[in-house]
Amino acid sequence: MILKNINLVIRFLIELCALASLGYWGFITGKGIVAKFFLGIGAPVILAVIWGAFGSPKAAVKLSLPFHLLLELIIFGIPALALYAAGKPQLAWIYGFCVVLNRTFMFIWKQ
């Protein structure tokens, strides 16, 4: 079904937005060039490593459903909070809405 494939593409875009959101937050909130670099680059890298190891479809460690949902809440919730903290509350709400809508369709379509 085309809509299922579109939902998976949206999921990938949400993952990219999560990384970009954390990078933006890091570069905005860091004090000094070194802090900006470590927060702006380090936070997205840490998020990507955790998601790749435990949450992605090809994760090395498969979590049971309740733990996977908790991980998703953390992984996709932190970027919304980061956007809000960086002074972009509207983007935070839009991102959060997209995450919830996408996850709802993933549940309905068993993706």
N, C-alpha and C. Protein backbone atom coordinates (compact mmCIF):
# COMPACT_ATOMS: atom_id res chain seq x y z
N MET A 1 0.84 -1.18 0.00
CA MET A 1 0.00 0.00 0.00
C MET A 1 0.89 1.25 0.00
N ILE A 2 0.55 2.20 -0.82
CA ILE A 2 1.36 3.40 -0.97
C ILE A 2 1.42 4.20 0.33
N LEU A 3 0.30 4.31 1.04
CA LEU A 3 0.28 5.09 2.27
C LEU A 3 1.21 4.51 3.33
N LYS A 4 1.32 3.20 3.38
CA LYS A 4 2.24 2.57 4.33
C LYS A 4 3.68 2.95 4.01
N ASN A 5 4.02 2.93 2.73
CA ASN A 5 5.38 3.31 2.33
C ASN A 5 5.64 4.78 2.61
N ILE A 6 4.66 5.62 2.38
CA ILE A 6 4.80 7.04 2.69
C ILE A 6 5.02 7.23 4.18
N ASN A 7 4.30 6.46 4.99
CA ASN A 7 4.47 6.56 6.45
C ASN A 7 5.88 6.17 6.87
N LEU A 8 6.45 5.16 6.21
CA LEU A 8 7.83 4.77 6.53
C LEU A 8 8.82 5.86 6.11
N VAL A 9 8.57 6.51 5.00
CA VAL A 9 9.43 7.62 4.57
C VAL A 9 9.33 8.77 5.57
N ILE A 10 8.11 9.03 6.03
CA ILE A 10 7.92 10.08 7.03
C ILE A 10 8.66 9.72 8.31
N ARG A 11 8.63 8.44 8.68
CA ARG A 11 9.36 8.00 9.88
C ARG A 11 10.85 8.31 9.74
N PHE A 12 11.40 8.01 8.57
CA PHE A 12 12.81 8.30 8.33
C PHE A 12 13.08 9.80 8.42
N LEU A 13 12.20 10.60 7.86
CA LEU A 13 12.36 12.05 7.92
C LEU A 13 12.26 12.55 9.36
N ILE A 14 11.39 11.93 10.16
CA ILE A 14 11.29 12.29 11.58
C ILE A 14 12.59 11.98 12.29
N GLU A 15 13.20 10.85 11.96
CA GLU A 15 14.48 10.50 12.56
C GLU A 15 15.55 11.54 12.20
N LEU A 16 15.56 11.97 10.96
CA LEU A 16 16.51 13.01 10.55
C LEU A 16 16.23 14.32 11.25
N CYS A 17 14.95 14.65 11.40
CA CYS A 17 14.57 15.88 12.12
C CYS A 17 15.00 15.81 13.58
N ALA A 18 14.93 14.62 14.17
CA ALA A 18 15.37 14.46 15.56
C ALA A 18 16.85 14.81 15.68
N LEU A 19 17.64 14.32 14.76
CA LEU A 19 19.08 14.61 14.79
C LEU A 19 19.34 16.10 14.56
N ALA A 20 18.64 16.67 13.59
CA ALA A 20 18.82 18.09 13.29
C ALA A 20 18.39 18.96 14.48
N SER A 21 17.31 18.56 15.13
CA SER A 21 16.81 19.32 16.29
C SER A 21 17.83 19.35 17.42
N LEU A 22 18.42 18.20 17.69
CA LEU A 22 19.43 18.15 18.75
C LEU A 22 20.67 18.93 18.36
N GLY A 23 21.05 18.85 17.09
CA GLY A 23 22.19 19.63 16.63
C GLY A 23 21.93 21.11 16.76
N TYR A 24 20.76 21.54 16.37
CA TYR A 24 20.39 22.95 16.49
C TYR A 24 20.43 23.38 17.95
N TRP A 25 19.81 22.60 18.81
CA TRP A 25 19.81 22.91 20.24
C TRP A 25 21.23 23.04 20.76
N GLY A 26 22.10 22.10 20.39
CA GLY A 26 23.47 22.11 20.88
C GLY A 26 24.23 23.35 20.45
N PHE A 27 24.08 23.72 19.19
CA PHE A 27 24.80 24.90 18.70
C PHE A 27 24.22 26.19 19.26
N ILE A 28 22.94 26.21 19.57
CA ILE A 28 22.32 27.41 20.13
C ILE A 28 22.65 27.58 21.61
N THR A 29 22.62 26.50 22.37
CA THR A 29 22.75 26.61 23.82
C THR A 29 24.19 26.50 24.32
N GLY A 30 25.07 25.97 23.52
CA GLY A 30 26.45 25.82 23.96
C GLY A 30 27.12 27.17 24.19
N LYS A 31 27.89 27.24 25.24
CA LYS A 31 28.64 28.46 25.55
C LYS A 31 30.08 28.26 25.09
N GLY A 32 30.47 28.98 24.10
CA GLY A 32 31.82 28.84 23.55
C GLY A 32 31.85 27.85 22.42
N ILE A 33 32.86 27.95 21.61
CA ILE A 33 32.96 27.12 20.41
C ILE A 33 33.10 25.63 20.73
N VAL A 34 33.84 25.30 21.77
CA VAL A 34 34.03 23.89 22.12
C VAL A 34 32.72 23.27 22.60
N ALA A 35 32.00 23.96 23.47
CA ALA A 35 30.72 23.45 23.97
C ALA A 35 29.71 23.34 22.83
N LYS A 36 29.68 24.34 21.96
CA LYS A 36 28.77 24.29 20.82
C LYS A 36 29.08 23.07 19.95
N PHE A 37 30.35 22.81 19.73
CA PHE A 37 30.74 21.67 18.90
C PHE A 37 30.33 20.35 19.56
N PHE A 38 30.67 20.19 20.84
CA PHE A 38 30.36 18.93 21.51
C PHE A 38 28.87 18.70 21.67
N LEU A 39 28.11 19.74 21.97
CA LEU A 39 26.66 19.59 22.09
C LEU A 39 26.01 19.45 20.72
N GLY A 40 26.43 20.27 19.79
CA GLY A 40 25.82 20.28 18.46
C GLY A 40 26.10 19.03 17.64
N ILE A 41 27.25 18.44 17.84
CA ILE A 41 27.61 17.21 17.13
C ILE A 41 27.40 15.99 18.03
N GLY A 42 27.80 16.11 19.28
CA GLY A 42 27.75 14.97 20.19
C GLY A 42 26.35 14.48 20.52
N ALA A 43 25.43 15.40 20.78
CA ALA A 43 24.07 14.99 21.14
C ALA A 43 23.39 14.19 20.02
N PRO A 44 23.45 14.65 18.76
CA PRO A 44 22.85 13.84 17.70
C PRO A 44 23.55 12.49 17.50
N VAL A 45 24.86 12.48 17.67
CA VAL A 45 25.59 11.21 17.51
C VAL A 45 25.18 10.21 18.59
N ILE A 46 25.07 10.68 19.82
CA ILE A 46 24.65 9.79 20.92
C ILE A 46 23.23 9.27 20.66
N LEU A 47 22.34 10.17 20.22
CA LEU A 47 20.97 9.75 19.92
C LEU A 47 20.95 8.71 18.81
N ALA A 48 21.74 8.93 17.77
CA ALA A 48 21.78 8.00 16.64
C ALA A 48 22.34 6.63 17.06
N VAL A 49 23.35 6.63 17.89
CA VAL A 49 23.94 5.36 18.34
C VAL A 49 22.94 4.58 19.18
N ILE A 50 22.26 5.25 20.09
CA ILE A 50 21.27 4.57 20.94
C ILE A 50 20.13 4.04 20.08
N TRP A 51 19.63 4.86 19.17
CA TRP A 51 18.53 4.42 18.31
C TRP A 51 18.97 3.26 17.42
N GLY A 52 20.16 3.35 16.86
CA GLY A 52 20.66 2.29 16.00
C GLY A 52 20.87 0.97 16.73
N ALA A 53 21.30 1.05 17.97
CA ALA A 53 21.59 -0.17 18.73
C ALA A 53 20.34 -0.82 19.30
N PHE A 54 19.33 -0.01 19.67
CA PHE A 54 18.19 -0.57 20.38
C PHE A 54 16.83 -0.35 19.73
N GLY A 55 16.68 0.66 18.87
CA GLY A 55 15.34 0.99 18.40
C GLY A 55 15.06 0.81 16.93
N SER A 56 16.08 0.89 16.12
CA SER A 56 15.86 0.82 14.67
C SER A 56 15.41 -0.58 14.25
N PRO A 57 14.83 -0.68 13.06
CA PRO A 57 14.38 -2.00 12.60
C PRO A 57 15.51 -3.03 12.51
N LYS A 58 16.73 -2.59 12.29
CA LYS A 58 17.88 -3.50 12.20
C LYS A 58 18.75 -3.44 13.44
N ALA A 59 18.14 -3.13 14.58
CA ALA A 59 18.89 -2.98 15.83
C ALA A 59 19.54 -4.28 16.24
N ALA A 60 20.73 -4.17 16.84
CA ALA A 60 21.46 -5.33 17.33
C ALA A 60 20.74 -5.97 18.51
N VAL A 61 20.12 -5.16 19.33
CA VAL A 61 19.40 -5.63 20.51
C VAL A 61 17.92 -5.34 20.31
N LYS A 62 17.10 -6.38 20.25
CA LYS A 62 15.66 -6.21 20.07
C LYS A 62 14.99 -6.07 21.43
N LEU A 63 14.26 -4.99 21.60
CA LEU A 63 13.56 -4.74 22.85
C LEU A 63 12.12 -5.23 22.75
N SER A 64 11.57 -5.65 23.88
CA SER A 64 10.16 -6.02 23.90
C SER A 64 9.33 -4.75 23.70
N LEU A 65 8.06 -4.93 23.34
CA LEU A 65 7.23 -3.79 22.95
C LEU A 65 7.17 -2.68 24.00
N PRO A 66 6.93 -2.98 25.28
CA PRO A 66 6.86 -1.86 26.22
C PRO A 66 8.16 -1.07 26.32
N PHE A 67 9.29 -1.76 26.30
CA PHE A 67 10.58 -1.08 26.38
C PHE A 67 10.89 -0.32 25.09
N HIS A 68 10.46 -0.89 23.96
CA HIS A 68 10.67 -0.21 22.69
C HIS A 68 9.85 1.07 22.63
N LEU A 69 8.62 1.03 23.10
CA LEU A 69 7.79 2.24 23.12
C LEU A 69 8.37 3.29 24.07
N LEU A 70 8.90 2.86 25.19
CA LEU A 70 9.54 3.78 26.12
C LEU A 70 10.77 4.42 25.47
N LEU A 71 11.55 3.61 24.77
CA LEU A 71 12.72 4.14 24.07
C LEU A 71 12.30 5.16 23.01
N GLU A 72 11.23 4.85 22.27
CA GLU A 72 10.73 5.79 21.26
C GLU A 72 10.29 7.10 21.91
N LEU A 73 9.62 6.99 23.03
CA LEU A 73 9.18 8.20 23.74
C LEU A 73 10.37 9.07 24.11
N ILE A 74 11.43 8.44 24.56
CA ILE A 74 12.63 9.18 24.95
C ILE A 74 13.36 9.72 23.71
N ILE A 75 13.60 8.85 22.73
CA ILE A 75 14.37 9.22 21.55
C ILE A 75 13.68 10.32 20.75
N PHE A 76 12.35 10.23 20.62
CA PHE A 76 11.64 11.23 19.82
C PHE A 76 11.06 12.36 20.67
N GLY A 77 11.07 12.21 21.99
CA GLY A 77 10.61 13.27 22.87
C GLY A 77 11.70 14.28 23.17
N ILE A 78 12.93 13.81 23.31
CA ILE A 78 14.04 14.70 23.61
C ILE A 78 14.21 15.79 22.54
N PRO A 79 14.13 15.46 21.25
CA PRO A 79 14.26 16.55 20.26
C PRO A 79 13.15 17.59 20.36
N ALA A 80 11.94 17.17 20.70
CA ALA A 80 10.86 18.16 20.88
C ALA A 80 11.18 19.09 22.06
N LEU A 81 11.67 18.51 23.14
CA LEU A 81 12.06 19.33 24.29
C LEU A 81 13.23 20.24 23.93
N ALA A 82 14.16 19.73 23.14
CA ALA A 82 15.31 20.53 22.73
C ALA A 82 14.88 21.72 21.88
N LEU A 83 13.95 21.48 20.96
CA LEU A 83 13.44 22.59 20.14
C LEU A 83 12.76 23.63 21.02
N TYR A 84 11.98 23.16 21.96
CA TYR A 84 11.29 24.08 22.87
C TYR A 84 12.30 24.90 23.68
N ALA A 85 13.32 24.21 24.19
CA ALA A 85 14.35 24.88 24.99
C ALA A 85 15.18 25.86 24.16
N ALA A 86 15.29 25.59 22.87
CA ALA A 86 16.06 26.47 21.98
C ALA A 86 15.23 27.64 21.48
N GLY A 87 14.03 27.78 22.01
CA GLY A 87 13.20 28.92 21.63
C GLY A 87 12.36 28.72 20.39
N LYS A 88 12.10 27.48 20.04
CA LYS A 88 11.28 27.16 18.87
C LYS A 88 10.07 26.32 19.30
N PRO A 89 9.18 26.87 20.13
CA PRO A 89 8.05 26.07 20.64
C PRO A 89 7.09 25.61 19.55
N GLN A 90 6.88 26.42 18.52
CA GLN A 90 5.97 26.00 17.45
C GLN A 90 6.54 24.80 16.70
N LEU A 91 7.83 24.83 16.41
CA LEU A 91 8.46 23.67 15.76
C LEU A 91 8.41 22.45 16.65
N ALA A 92 8.57 22.66 17.95
CA ALA A 92 8.50 21.54 18.89
C ALA A 92 7.14 20.88 18.85
N TRP A 93 6.08 21.68 18.83
CA TRP A 93 4.72 21.13 18.78
C TRP A 93 4.44 20.44 17.45
N ILE A 94 4.88 21.04 16.36
CA ILE A 94 4.68 20.43 15.04
C ILE A 94 5.42 19.10 14.97
N TYR A 95 6.66 19.09 15.40
CA TYR A 95 7.45 17.87 15.39
C TYR A 95 6.78 16.80 16.26
N GLY A 96 6.38 17.17 17.47
CA GLY A 96 5.73 16.22 18.37
C GLY A 96 4.45 15.67 17.79
N PHE A 97 3.66 16.52 17.16
CA PHE A 97 2.42 16.07 16.53
C PHE A 97 2.72 15.06 15.42
N CYS A 98 3.72 15.36 14.60
CA CYS A 98 4.11 14.45 13.51
C CYS A 98 4.57 13.11 14.05
N VAL A 99 5.32 13.13 15.14
CA VAL A 99 5.80 11.89 15.75
C VAL A 99 4.62 11.04 16.23
N VAL A 100 3.69 11.66 16.94
CA VAL A 100 2.53 10.92 17.46
C VAL A 100 1.68 10.38 16.33
N LEU A 101 1.41 11.19 15.32
CA LEU A 101 0.61 10.75 14.19
C LEU A 101 1.28 9.60 13.45
N ASN A 102 2.58 9.74 13.21
CA ASN A 102 3.32 8.69 12.52
C ASN A 102 3.31 7.39 13.32
N ARG A 103 3.53 7.49 14.62
CA ARG A 103 3.55 6.28 15.46
C ARG A 103 2.17 5.63 15.51
N THR A 104 1.14 6.44 15.50
CA THR A 104 -0.22 5.90 15.49
C THR A 104 -0.46 5.08 14.23
N PHE A 105 -0.07 5.63 13.08
CA PHE A 105 -0.23 4.87 11.84
C PHE A 105 0.66 3.64 11.82
N MET A 106 1.84 3.72 12.39
CA MET A 106 2.71 2.54 12.45
C MET A 106 2.06 1.44 13.28
N PHE A 107 1.39 1.82 14.34
CA PHE A 107 0.69 0.84 15.19
C PHE A 107 -0.49 0.24 14.42
N ILE A 108 -1.27 1.07 13.79
CA ILE A 108 -2.46 0.59 13.06
C ILE A 108 -2.05 -0.35 11.93
N TRP A 109 -0.99 0.01 11.21
CA TRP A 109 -0.56 -0.77 10.06
C TRP A 109 0.48 -1.84 10.42
N LYS A 110 0.79 -1.99 11.71
CA LYS A 110 1.75 -2.99 12.19
C LYS A 110 3.10 -2.89 11.47
N GLN A 111 3.62 -1.67 11.45
CA GLN A 111 4.91 -1.44 10.78
C GLN A 111 6.03 -1.51 11.78
